[in-house]
N, C-alpha and C. Protein backbone atom coordinates (compact mmCIF):
# COMPACT_ATOMS: atom_id res chain seq x y z
N UNK A 1 70.42 -20.96 124.83
CA UNK A 1 71.23 -20.62 125.98
C UNK A 1 70.36 -19.87 126.99
N UNK A 2 70.34 -20.34 128.28
CA UNK A 2 69.47 -19.69 129.27
C UNK A 2 69.95 -18.29 129.61
N UNK A 3 69.00 -17.44 129.97
CA UNK A 3 69.33 -16.07 130.34
C UNK A 3 70.11 -16.04 131.65
N UNK A 4 71.02 -15.09 131.75
CA UNK A 4 71.79 -14.92 132.98
C UNK A 4 70.87 -14.28 134.03
N UNK A 5 70.81 -14.89 135.23
CA UNK A 5 69.92 -14.33 136.27
C UNK A 5 70.53 -13.08 136.90
N UNK A 6 70.47 -11.95 136.18
CA UNK A 6 71.23 -10.77 136.58
C UNK A 6 70.74 -10.10 137.86
N UNK A 7 69.50 -10.30 138.25
CA UNK A 7 69.00 -9.63 139.45
C UNK A 7 69.00 -10.53 140.68
N UNK A 8 69.20 -11.82 140.49
CA UNK A 8 69.13 -12.75 141.63
C UNK A 8 70.21 -12.44 142.67
N UNK A 9 71.47 -12.32 142.23
CA UNK A 9 72.58 -12.08 143.17
C UNK A 9 72.44 -10.74 143.89
N UNK A 10 72.11 -9.64 143.20
CA UNK A 10 71.91 -8.39 143.94
C UNK A 10 70.81 -8.48 145.01
N UNK A 11 69.76 -9.24 144.72
CA UNK A 11 68.70 -9.42 145.72
C UNK A 11 69.24 -10.16 146.94
N UNK A 12 69.99 -11.23 146.69
CA UNK A 12 70.56 -12.00 147.79
C UNK A 12 71.55 -11.15 148.58
N UNK A 13 72.42 -10.43 147.88
CA UNK A 13 73.41 -9.58 148.55
C UNK A 13 72.73 -8.52 149.42
N UNK A 14 71.66 -7.92 148.89
CA UNK A 14 70.93 -6.92 149.67
C UNK A 14 70.30 -7.55 150.91
N UNK A 15 69.75 -8.75 150.75
CA UNK A 15 69.14 -9.44 151.89
C UNK A 15 70.19 -9.77 152.95
N UNK A 16 71.37 -10.24 152.53
CA UNK A 16 72.44 -10.54 153.49
C UNK A 16 72.78 -9.29 154.30
N UNK A 17 72.95 -8.18 153.61
CA UNK A 17 73.31 -6.93 154.29
C UNK A 17 72.21 -6.48 155.25
N UNK A 18 70.98 -6.50 154.78
CA UNK A 18 69.87 -6.04 155.63
C UNK A 18 69.62 -6.98 156.80
N UNK A 19 69.69 -8.28 156.58
CA UNK A 19 69.47 -9.23 157.67
C UNK A 19 70.55 -9.10 158.74
N UNK A 20 71.80 -8.89 158.30
CA UNK A 20 72.88 -8.78 159.28
C UNK A 20 72.74 -7.52 160.13
N UNK A 21 72.13 -6.50 159.54
CA UNK A 21 72.01 -5.22 160.24
C UNK A 21 70.74 -5.13 161.09
N UNK A 22 69.61 -5.64 160.57
CA UNK A 22 68.36 -5.40 161.29
C UNK A 22 67.53 -6.64 161.55
N UNK A 23 68.03 -7.80 161.13
CA UNK A 23 67.29 -9.04 161.38
C UNK A 23 66.32 -9.37 160.26
N UNK A 24 65.76 -10.54 160.35
CA UNK A 24 64.86 -11.05 159.32
C UNK A 24 63.48 -10.38 159.38
N UNK A 25 62.87 -10.38 160.55
CA UNK A 25 61.50 -9.87 160.68
C UNK A 25 61.38 -8.39 160.36
N UNK A 26 62.40 -7.63 160.69
CA UNK A 26 62.34 -6.18 160.48
C UNK A 26 62.71 -5.77 159.06
N UNK A 27 63.09 -6.73 158.25
CA UNK A 27 63.45 -6.43 156.86
C UNK A 27 62.28 -6.76 155.95
N UNK A 28 61.79 -5.75 155.28
CA UNK A 28 60.66 -5.96 154.37
C UNK A 28 61.12 -6.24 152.95
N UNK A 29 60.24 -6.84 152.18
CA UNK A 29 60.57 -7.14 150.78
C UNK A 29 60.84 -5.86 149.99
N UNK A 30 60.10 -4.81 150.27
CA UNK A 30 60.33 -3.55 149.56
C UNK A 30 61.74 -3.00 149.85
N UNK A 31 62.21 -3.17 151.09
CA UNK A 31 63.57 -2.74 151.42
C UNK A 31 64.61 -3.53 150.63
N UNK A 32 64.37 -4.83 150.52
CA UNK A 32 65.30 -5.68 149.76
C UNK A 32 65.33 -5.25 148.30
N UNK A 33 64.16 -5.02 147.74
CA UNK A 33 64.08 -4.58 146.34
C UNK A 33 64.81 -3.26 146.17
N UNK A 34 64.54 -2.31 147.06
CA UNK A 34 65.17 -0.99 146.95
C UNK A 34 66.69 -1.09 147.08
N UNK A 35 67.17 -1.85 148.07
CA UNK A 35 68.61 -1.98 148.29
C UNK A 35 69.30 -2.71 147.14
N UNK A 36 68.57 -3.63 146.50
CA UNK A 36 69.18 -4.42 145.43
C UNK A 36 69.21 -3.69 144.10
N UNK A 37 68.30 -2.73 143.92
CA UNK A 37 68.19 -2.05 142.64
C UNK A 37 67.49 -2.89 141.58
N UNK A 38 66.96 -4.03 141.99
CA UNK A 38 66.27 -4.92 141.05
C UNK A 38 64.80 -4.53 140.93
N UNK A 39 64.19 -4.79 139.78
CA UNK A 39 62.75 -4.56 139.66
C UNK A 39 61.99 -5.50 140.60
N UNK A 40 60.88 -5.03 141.14
CA UNK A 40 60.14 -5.83 142.11
C UNK A 40 59.69 -7.17 141.52
N UNK A 41 59.34 -7.17 140.26
CA UNK A 41 58.91 -8.41 139.63
C UNK A 41 59.98 -9.48 139.63
N UNK A 42 61.25 -9.08 139.58
CA UNK A 42 62.34 -10.07 139.58
C UNK A 42 62.44 -10.78 140.92
N UNK A 43 62.03 -10.09 141.98
CA UNK A 43 62.06 -10.73 143.30
C UNK A 43 61.14 -11.96 143.29
N UNK A 44 59.95 -11.79 142.77
CA UNK A 44 58.99 -12.91 142.74
C UNK A 44 59.36 -13.93 141.66
N UNK A 45 60.04 -13.48 140.63
CA UNK A 45 60.49 -14.41 139.59
C UNK A 45 61.54 -15.37 140.14
N UNK A 46 62.55 -14.83 140.83
CA UNK A 46 63.63 -15.67 141.36
C UNK A 46 63.27 -16.33 142.68
N UNK A 47 62.37 -15.74 143.42
CA UNK A 47 62.02 -16.25 144.75
C UNK A 47 60.51 -16.36 144.88
N UNK A 48 59.90 -17.32 144.16
CA UNK A 48 58.44 -17.42 144.14
C UNK A 48 57.82 -17.72 145.51
N UNK A 49 58.61 -18.29 146.43
CA UNK A 49 58.07 -18.55 147.77
C UNK A 49 58.22 -17.32 148.66
N UNK A 50 58.72 -16.23 148.12
CA UNK A 50 58.80 -14.98 148.87
C UNK A 50 59.98 -14.91 149.82
N UNK A 51 59.73 -14.33 150.97
CA UNK A 51 60.79 -14.00 151.90
C UNK A 51 61.52 -15.22 152.44
N UNK A 52 60.82 -16.32 152.63
CA UNK A 52 61.47 -17.53 153.11
C UNK A 52 62.56 -17.99 152.15
N UNK A 53 62.26 -17.98 150.87
CA UNK A 53 63.27 -18.43 149.90
C UNK A 53 64.42 -17.43 149.81
N UNK A 54 64.14 -16.15 150.03
CA UNK A 54 65.22 -15.17 150.07
C UNK A 54 66.08 -15.40 151.31
N UNK A 55 65.42 -15.66 152.44
CA UNK A 55 66.16 -15.95 153.68
C UNK A 55 67.05 -17.17 153.53
N UNK A 56 66.54 -18.20 152.90
CA UNK A 56 67.32 -19.41 152.67
C UNK A 56 68.53 -19.11 151.78
N UNK A 57 68.29 -18.39 150.70
CA UNK A 57 69.38 -18.04 149.78
C UNK A 57 70.41 -17.14 150.46
N UNK A 58 69.95 -16.24 151.32
CA UNK A 58 70.87 -15.34 152.03
C UNK A 58 71.76 -16.12 152.99
N UNK A 59 71.19 -17.09 153.68
CA UNK A 59 71.99 -17.92 154.58
C UNK A 59 73.00 -18.74 153.78
N UNK A 60 72.57 -19.29 152.66
CA UNK A 60 73.50 -20.06 151.82
C UNK A 60 74.65 -19.18 151.33
N UNK A 61 74.34 -17.97 150.91
CA UNK A 61 75.37 -17.04 150.43
C UNK A 61 76.31 -16.63 151.56
N UNK A 62 75.74 -16.24 152.69
CA UNK A 62 76.57 -15.85 153.83
C UNK A 62 77.43 -17.02 154.29
N UNK A 63 76.86 -18.23 154.31
CA UNK A 63 77.62 -19.41 154.69
C UNK A 63 78.79 -19.66 153.75
N UNK A 64 78.56 -19.49 152.45
CA UNK A 64 79.64 -19.68 151.47
C UNK A 64 80.75 -18.65 151.68
N UNK A 65 80.37 -17.42 151.99
CA UNK A 65 81.37 -16.38 152.24
C UNK A 65 82.21 -16.71 153.48
N UNK A 66 81.53 -17.16 154.52
CA UNK A 66 82.25 -17.52 155.76
C UNK A 66 83.21 -18.67 155.50
N UNK A 67 82.74 -19.68 154.79
CA UNK A 67 83.60 -20.83 154.50
C UNK A 67 84.84 -20.40 153.71
N UNK A 68 84.65 -19.56 152.72
CA UNK A 68 85.79 -19.08 151.94
C UNK A 68 86.78 -18.35 152.83
N UNK A 69 86.29 -17.47 153.68
CA UNK A 69 87.16 -16.70 154.57
C UNK A 69 87.88 -17.61 155.55
N UNK A 70 87.14 -18.49 156.22
CA UNK A 70 87.74 -19.35 157.23
C UNK A 70 88.74 -20.32 156.59
N UNK A 71 88.43 -20.83 155.41
CA UNK A 71 89.37 -21.73 154.74
C UNK A 71 90.66 -21.01 154.37
N UNK A 72 90.54 -19.79 153.87
CA UNK A 72 91.74 -19.00 153.54
C UNK A 72 92.58 -18.76 154.79
N UNK A 73 91.93 -18.43 155.90
CA UNK A 73 92.66 -18.23 157.15
C UNK A 73 93.30 -19.53 157.64
N UNK A 74 92.57 -20.64 157.51
CA UNK A 74 93.08 -21.94 157.93
C UNK A 74 94.31 -22.34 157.11
N UNK A 75 94.27 -22.05 155.82
CA UNK A 75 95.40 -22.40 154.95
C UNK A 75 96.67 -21.65 155.34
N UNK A 76 96.51 -20.45 155.88
CA UNK A 76 97.67 -19.63 156.26
C UNK A 76 98.11 -19.87 157.71
N UNK A 77 97.21 -20.37 158.54
CA UNK A 77 97.48 -20.49 159.98
C UNK A 77 98.37 -21.70 160.29
N UNK A 78 99.26 -21.51 161.24
CA UNK A 78 100.15 -22.59 161.67
C UNK A 78 99.42 -23.59 162.55
N UNK A 79 98.35 -23.17 163.19
CA UNK A 79 97.60 -24.03 164.11
C UNK A 79 96.15 -23.54 164.19
N UNK A 80 95.32 -24.34 164.85
CA UNK A 80 93.94 -23.92 165.06
C UNK A 80 93.89 -22.67 165.93
N UNK A 81 94.76 -22.59 166.93
CA UNK A 81 94.82 -21.40 167.78
C UNK A 81 95.09 -20.16 166.94
N UNK A 82 96.03 -20.26 166.00
CA UNK A 82 96.32 -19.14 165.10
C UNK A 82 95.12 -18.81 164.22
N UNK A 83 94.44 -19.84 163.74
CA UNK A 83 93.23 -19.64 162.92
C UNK A 83 92.18 -18.86 163.70
N UNK A 84 91.93 -19.27 164.94
CA UNK A 84 90.90 -18.60 165.75
C UNK A 84 91.27 -17.15 166.03
N UNK A 85 92.53 -16.91 166.31
CA UNK A 85 92.96 -15.53 166.59
C UNK A 85 92.86 -14.66 165.33
N UNK A 86 93.23 -15.21 164.20
CA UNK A 86 93.13 -14.46 162.94
C UNK A 86 91.68 -14.17 162.59
N UNK A 87 90.82 -15.16 162.79
CA UNK A 87 89.41 -14.97 162.49
C UNK A 87 88.79 -13.92 163.41
N UNK A 88 89.11 -14.00 164.70
CA UNK A 88 88.59 -13.03 165.66
C UNK A 88 89.05 -11.62 165.31
N UNK A 89 90.29 -11.48 164.92
CA UNK A 89 90.83 -10.17 164.55
C UNK A 89 90.07 -9.61 163.34
N UNK A 90 89.84 -10.45 162.35
CA UNK A 90 89.12 -10.03 161.15
C UNK A 90 87.68 -9.64 161.49
N UNK A 91 87.02 -10.46 162.30
CA UNK A 91 85.64 -10.15 162.70
C UNK A 91 85.57 -8.83 163.47
N UNK A 92 86.53 -8.62 164.36
CA UNK A 92 86.56 -7.37 165.14
C UNK A 92 86.75 -6.16 164.22
N UNK A 93 87.59 -6.31 163.20
CA UNK A 93 87.81 -5.22 162.24
C UNK A 93 86.53 -4.93 161.45
N UNK A 94 85.84 -5.99 161.02
CA UNK A 94 84.59 -5.81 160.28
C UNK A 94 83.53 -5.15 161.17
N UNK A 95 83.46 -5.59 162.41
CA UNK A 95 82.48 -5.02 163.33
C UNK A 95 82.76 -3.53 163.56
N UNK A 96 84.02 -3.20 163.77
CA UNK A 96 84.41 -1.80 164.00
C UNK A 96 84.06 -0.96 162.77
N UNK A 97 84.35 -1.50 161.58
CA UNK A 97 84.07 -0.76 160.33
C UNK A 97 82.58 -0.47 160.17
N UNK A 98 81.73 -1.34 160.68
CA UNK A 98 80.28 -1.14 160.58
C UNK A 98 79.73 -0.36 161.78
N UNK A 99 80.63 0.09 162.65
CA UNK A 99 80.24 0.75 163.90
C UNK A 99 79.37 -0.17 164.75
N UNK A 100 79.68 -1.47 164.66
CA UNK A 100 79.03 -2.52 165.44
C UNK A 100 77.53 -2.63 165.15
N UNK A 101 77.14 -2.21 163.95
CA UNK A 101 75.74 -2.36 163.53
C UNK A 101 75.51 -3.71 162.88
N UNK A 102 76.55 -4.29 162.29
CA UNK A 102 76.38 -5.54 161.55
C UNK A 102 76.68 -6.74 162.44
N UNK A 103 75.76 -7.68 162.41
CA UNK A 103 75.98 -8.96 163.08
C UNK A 103 76.20 -10.02 162.01
N UNK A 104 76.00 -11.25 162.39
CA UNK A 104 76.11 -12.36 161.44
C UNK A 104 74.74 -12.58 160.81
N UNK A 105 74.63 -12.49 159.49
CA UNK A 105 73.31 -12.67 158.87
C UNK A 105 72.75 -14.07 159.08
N UNK A 106 73.62 -15.04 159.24
CA UNK A 106 73.15 -16.41 159.48
C UNK A 106 72.48 -16.47 160.85
N UNK A 107 73.17 -15.98 161.86
CA UNK A 107 72.66 -16.03 163.22
C UNK A 107 71.39 -15.21 163.39
N UNK A 108 71.37 -14.01 162.82
CA UNK A 108 70.19 -13.16 163.02
C UNK A 108 68.94 -13.82 162.44
N UNK A 109 69.07 -14.44 161.30
CA UNK A 109 67.92 -15.10 160.69
C UNK A 109 67.54 -16.36 161.46
N UNK A 110 68.54 -17.15 161.85
CA UNK A 110 68.24 -18.40 162.55
C UNK A 110 67.61 -18.16 163.92
N UNK A 111 68.04 -17.12 164.61
CA UNK A 111 67.45 -16.83 165.92
C UNK A 111 65.96 -16.57 165.81
N UNK A 112 65.53 -16.02 164.70
CA UNK A 112 64.12 -15.72 164.50
C UNK A 112 63.34 -16.87 163.87
N UNK A 113 63.99 -17.65 163.02
CA UNK A 113 63.24 -18.57 162.17
C UNK A 113 63.41 -20.07 162.48
N UNK A 114 64.50 -20.43 163.15
CA UNK A 114 64.72 -21.85 163.43
C UNK A 114 64.10 -22.20 164.78
N UNK A 115 63.60 -23.38 164.92
CA UNK A 115 63.55 -24.50 163.98
C UNK A 115 62.26 -24.58 163.17
N UNK A 116 61.33 -23.63 163.36
CA UNK A 116 60.02 -23.74 162.71
C UNK A 116 60.11 -23.74 161.18
N UNK A 117 60.99 -22.91 160.65
CA UNK A 117 61.09 -22.81 159.19
C UNK A 117 62.14 -23.82 158.71
N UNK A 118 61.70 -24.88 158.10
CA UNK A 118 62.62 -25.97 157.73
C UNK A 118 63.67 -25.59 156.69
N UNK A 119 63.31 -24.92 155.59
CA UNK A 119 64.34 -24.57 154.61
C UNK A 119 65.43 -23.67 155.20
N UNK A 120 65.04 -22.69 156.00
CA UNK A 120 66.02 -21.80 156.62
C UNK A 120 66.85 -22.55 157.64
N UNK A 121 66.22 -23.40 158.43
CA UNK A 121 66.95 -24.19 159.42
C UNK A 121 67.96 -25.10 158.73
N UNK A 122 67.55 -25.73 157.65
CA UNK A 122 68.46 -26.63 156.91
C UNK A 122 69.65 -25.84 156.35
N UNK A 123 69.38 -24.68 155.76
CA UNK A 123 70.46 -23.85 155.22
C UNK A 123 71.43 -23.44 156.32
N UNK A 124 70.91 -23.09 157.49
CA UNK A 124 71.76 -22.73 158.62
C UNK A 124 72.60 -23.89 159.11
N UNK A 125 71.98 -25.06 159.18
CA UNK A 125 72.71 -26.26 159.60
C UNK A 125 73.87 -26.55 158.65
N UNK A 126 73.60 -26.41 157.36
CA UNK A 126 74.65 -26.64 156.36
C UNK A 126 75.78 -25.61 156.47
N UNK A 127 75.40 -24.36 156.71
CA UNK A 127 76.40 -23.30 156.83
C UNK A 127 77.31 -23.55 158.03
N UNK A 128 76.73 -23.92 159.16
CA UNK A 128 77.55 -24.19 160.35
C UNK A 128 78.38 -25.46 160.17
N UNK A 129 77.81 -26.48 159.54
CA UNK A 129 78.55 -27.73 159.33
C UNK A 129 79.79 -27.51 158.48
N UNK A 130 79.69 -26.67 157.47
CA UNK A 130 80.85 -26.40 156.61
C UNK A 130 81.96 -25.69 157.39
N UNK A 131 81.58 -24.76 158.25
CA UNK A 131 82.57 -24.06 159.07
C UNK A 131 83.18 -25.03 160.09
N UNK A 132 82.35 -25.86 160.71
CA UNK A 132 82.85 -26.85 161.67
C UNK A 132 83.85 -27.79 161.02
N UNK A 133 83.59 -28.20 159.78
CA UNK A 133 84.51 -29.10 159.08
C UNK A 133 85.90 -28.49 158.94
N UNK A 134 85.96 -27.21 158.62
CA UNK A 134 87.27 -26.56 158.46
C UNK A 134 88.03 -26.55 159.78
N UNK A 135 87.34 -26.17 160.85
CA UNK A 135 87.99 -26.10 162.16
C UNK A 135 88.38 -27.51 162.61
N UNK A 136 87.50 -28.45 162.41
CA UNK A 136 87.79 -29.83 162.79
C UNK A 136 89.00 -30.37 162.03
N UNK A 137 89.07 -30.12 160.74
CA UNK A 137 90.22 -30.58 159.95
C UNK A 137 91.52 -29.95 160.43
N UNK A 138 91.44 -28.68 160.83
CA UNK A 138 92.64 -28.01 161.35
C UNK A 138 93.06 -28.62 162.67
N UNK A 139 92.10 -28.96 163.51
CA UNK A 139 92.41 -29.61 164.79
C UNK A 139 93.04 -30.97 164.58
N UNK A 140 92.53 -31.72 163.62
CA UNK A 140 93.13 -33.03 163.30
C UNK A 140 94.56 -32.83 162.81
N UNK A 141 94.78 -31.81 161.98
CA UNK A 141 96.14 -31.51 161.51
C UNK A 141 97.05 -31.12 162.67
N UNK A 142 96.48 -30.56 163.73
CA UNK A 142 97.26 -30.21 164.93
C UNK A 142 97.59 -31.45 165.77
N UNK A 143 96.95 -32.58 165.44
CA UNK A 143 97.25 -33.81 166.17
C UNK A 143 96.14 -34.31 167.07
N UNK A 144 94.99 -33.64 167.07
CA UNK A 144 93.88 -34.11 167.90
C UNK A 144 93.21 -35.31 167.23
N UNK A 145 92.77 -36.25 168.04
CA UNK A 145 92.01 -37.39 167.54
C UNK A 145 90.66 -36.90 167.01
N UNK A 146 90.12 -37.60 166.05
CA UNK A 146 88.88 -37.18 165.38
C UNK A 146 87.74 -36.87 166.35
N UNK A 147 87.44 -37.75 167.33
CA UNK A 147 86.32 -37.42 168.24
C UNK A 147 86.58 -36.15 169.05
N UNK A 148 87.81 -35.97 169.49
CA UNK A 148 88.15 -34.74 170.22
C UNK A 148 88.05 -33.52 169.31
N UNK A 149 88.52 -33.67 168.08
CA UNK A 149 88.47 -32.56 167.12
C UNK A 149 87.03 -32.15 166.85
N UNK A 150 86.12 -33.12 166.76
CA UNK A 150 84.70 -32.81 166.53
C UNK A 150 84.14 -31.96 167.67
N UNK A 151 84.39 -32.39 168.89
CA UNK A 151 83.86 -31.66 170.05
C UNK A 151 84.50 -30.28 170.19
N UNK A 152 85.80 -30.23 170.01
CA UNK A 152 86.50 -28.95 170.14
C UNK A 152 86.10 -27.97 169.04
N UNK A 153 85.81 -28.47 167.85
CA UNK A 153 85.35 -27.59 166.76
C UNK A 153 84.02 -26.95 167.13
N UNK A 154 83.11 -27.73 167.71
CA UNK A 154 81.83 -27.19 168.15
C UNK A 154 82.05 -26.09 169.20
N UNK A 155 82.94 -26.35 170.14
CA UNK A 155 83.25 -25.36 171.17
C UNK A 155 83.79 -24.08 170.55
N UNK A 156 84.76 -24.22 169.66
CA UNK A 156 85.40 -23.05 169.06
C UNK A 156 84.43 -22.21 168.24
N UNK A 157 83.65 -22.86 167.38
CA UNK A 157 82.71 -22.12 166.53
C UNK A 157 81.62 -21.48 167.38
N UNK A 158 81.10 -22.22 168.34
CA UNK A 158 80.04 -21.69 169.20
C UNK A 158 80.52 -20.52 170.04
N UNK A 159 81.72 -20.64 170.58
CA UNK A 159 82.26 -19.57 171.42
C UNK A 159 82.49 -18.29 170.60
N UNK A 160 83.06 -18.43 169.40
CA UNK A 160 83.27 -17.24 168.58
C UNK A 160 81.95 -16.62 168.14
N UNK A 161 80.96 -17.45 167.87
CA UNK A 161 79.65 -16.92 167.47
C UNK A 161 79.04 -16.14 168.62
N UNK A 162 79.13 -16.68 169.82
CA UNK A 162 78.63 -15.94 170.99
C UNK A 162 79.41 -14.66 171.22
N UNK A 163 80.72 -14.70 171.01
CA UNK A 163 81.55 -13.51 171.18
C UNK A 163 81.20 -12.44 170.16
N UNK A 164 80.77 -12.86 168.98
CA UNK A 164 80.35 -11.90 167.95
C UNK A 164 79.12 -11.13 168.42
N UNK A 165 78.19 -11.82 169.03
CA UNK A 165 77.00 -11.15 169.57
C UNK A 165 77.40 -10.21 170.70
N UNK A 166 78.28 -10.68 171.60
CA UNK A 166 78.72 -9.84 172.72
C UNK A 166 79.48 -8.61 172.22
N UNK A 167 80.27 -8.77 171.17
CA UNK A 167 81.01 -7.64 170.60
C UNK A 167 80.05 -6.57 170.09
N UNK A 168 78.97 -7.00 169.50
CA UNK A 168 77.98 -6.04 169.00
C UNK A 168 77.31 -5.31 170.15
N UNK A 169 76.98 -6.04 171.20
CA UNK A 169 76.34 -5.43 172.37
C UNK A 169 77.30 -4.46 173.06
N UNK A 170 78.55 -4.89 173.24
CA UNK A 170 79.54 -4.06 173.94
C UNK A 170 80.13 -2.96 173.05
N UNK A 171 79.90 -3.07 171.75
CA UNK A 171 80.51 -2.17 170.77
C UNK A 171 82.02 -2.16 170.95
N UNK A 172 82.55 -3.38 170.98
CA UNK A 172 83.99 -3.56 171.19
C UNK A 172 84.41 -4.90 170.61
N UNK A 173 85.62 -4.94 170.05
CA UNK A 173 86.17 -6.20 169.56
C UNK A 173 86.77 -7.06 170.64
N UNK A 174 86.80 -6.55 171.87
CA UNK A 174 87.43 -7.29 172.97
C UNK A 174 86.83 -8.68 173.20
N UNK A 175 85.51 -8.86 173.20
CA UNK A 175 84.98 -10.22 173.41
C UNK A 175 85.50 -11.22 172.37
N UNK A 176 85.65 -10.78 171.14
CA UNK A 176 86.15 -11.68 170.09
C UNK A 176 87.62 -12.04 170.34
N UNK A 177 88.43 -11.03 170.59
CA UNK A 177 89.86 -11.28 170.81
C UNK A 177 90.09 -12.11 172.06
N UNK A 178 89.37 -11.79 173.14
CA UNK A 178 89.52 -12.54 174.39
C UNK A 178 89.12 -13.99 174.21
N UNK A 179 87.99 -14.21 173.55
CA UNK A 179 87.52 -15.59 173.32
C UNK A 179 88.52 -16.38 172.50
N UNK A 180 89.01 -15.79 171.43
CA UNK A 180 89.98 -16.50 170.59
C UNK A 180 91.27 -16.78 171.36
N UNK A 181 91.74 -15.82 172.14
CA UNK A 181 92.96 -16.03 172.93
C UNK A 181 92.78 -17.17 173.93
N UNK A 182 91.65 -17.16 174.64
CA UNK A 182 91.41 -18.20 175.65
C UNK A 182 91.22 -19.58 175.01
N UNK A 183 90.53 -19.62 173.87
CA UNK A 183 90.39 -20.89 173.16
C UNK A 183 91.76 -21.39 172.70
N UNK A 184 92.58 -20.46 172.20
CA UNK A 184 93.93 -20.84 171.77
C UNK A 184 94.75 -21.42 172.90
N UNK A 185 94.68 -20.80 174.06
CA UNK A 185 95.41 -21.31 175.24
C UNK A 185 94.89 -22.69 175.62
N UNK A 186 93.57 -22.83 175.64
CA UNK A 186 92.96 -24.12 175.97
C UNK A 186 93.45 -25.22 175.01
N UNK A 187 93.42 -24.93 173.70
CA UNK A 187 93.84 -25.92 172.71
C UNK A 187 95.32 -26.25 172.85
N UNK A 188 96.14 -25.23 173.03
CA UNK A 188 97.58 -25.47 173.16
C UNK A 188 97.90 -26.27 174.42
N UNK A 189 97.25 -25.94 175.54
CA UNK A 189 97.48 -26.69 176.78
C UNK A 189 97.00 -28.13 176.66
N UNK A 190 95.84 -28.29 176.04
CA UNK A 190 95.31 -29.65 175.88
C UNK A 190 96.21 -30.49 174.99
N UNK A 191 96.71 -29.89 173.93
CA UNK A 191 97.60 -30.62 173.03
C UNK A 191 98.88 -31.02 173.75
N UNK A 192 99.45 -30.11 174.53
CA UNK A 192 100.67 -30.40 175.27
C UNK A 192 100.45 -31.49 176.32
N UNK A 193 99.28 -31.46 176.99
CA UNK A 193 99.01 -32.49 177.99
C UNK A 193 98.84 -33.86 177.35
N UNK A 194 98.28 -33.90 176.16
CA UNK A 194 98.13 -35.18 175.45
C UNK A 194 99.48 -35.68 174.93
N UNK A 195 100.35 -34.76 174.56
CA UNK A 195 101.67 -35.16 174.10
C UNK A 195 102.55 -35.62 175.25
N UNK A 196 102.36 -34.98 176.43
CA UNK A 196 103.21 -35.27 177.59
C UNK A 196 102.77 -36.48 178.32
């Protein structure tokens, strides 16, 4: 029976936290080791390619967390507009709790590493694609045609991601709430015009 990789997850969790707070380049391997509580040798054991493989794993982990959260919100939401508003509210609460120090670990790493670093870029593409699928499926459930749902999902995810950055800069949840409200109005008006 193979040994349980007991230090791998703490290393990834520490990297997610540090990357979201200070970015990829400013996070050193020693900081990750210290924050994880793992022995330094385990870092090289689980991540023989070093920081790149940790960055890739951190994006995969953060992406999985986002997908779980967005899917749970989508399952409860009556519409895509409700989903976006709920997600924005949750993001604003998380940002406020961190005193606006925490950003998105996926975005912070990708801004520094994509497209040059292929494994990290691929992990980021997969993370965004999974989130887009949830929003797109919700839009289709709202009655949008598949091609429209694809385009609108890109708009919604991109706008909220930009609002997350603006919220951190402004130290306010207002950009998130405003963006979600305006996207909701846009979607509701577009749906009504297509029905009418």
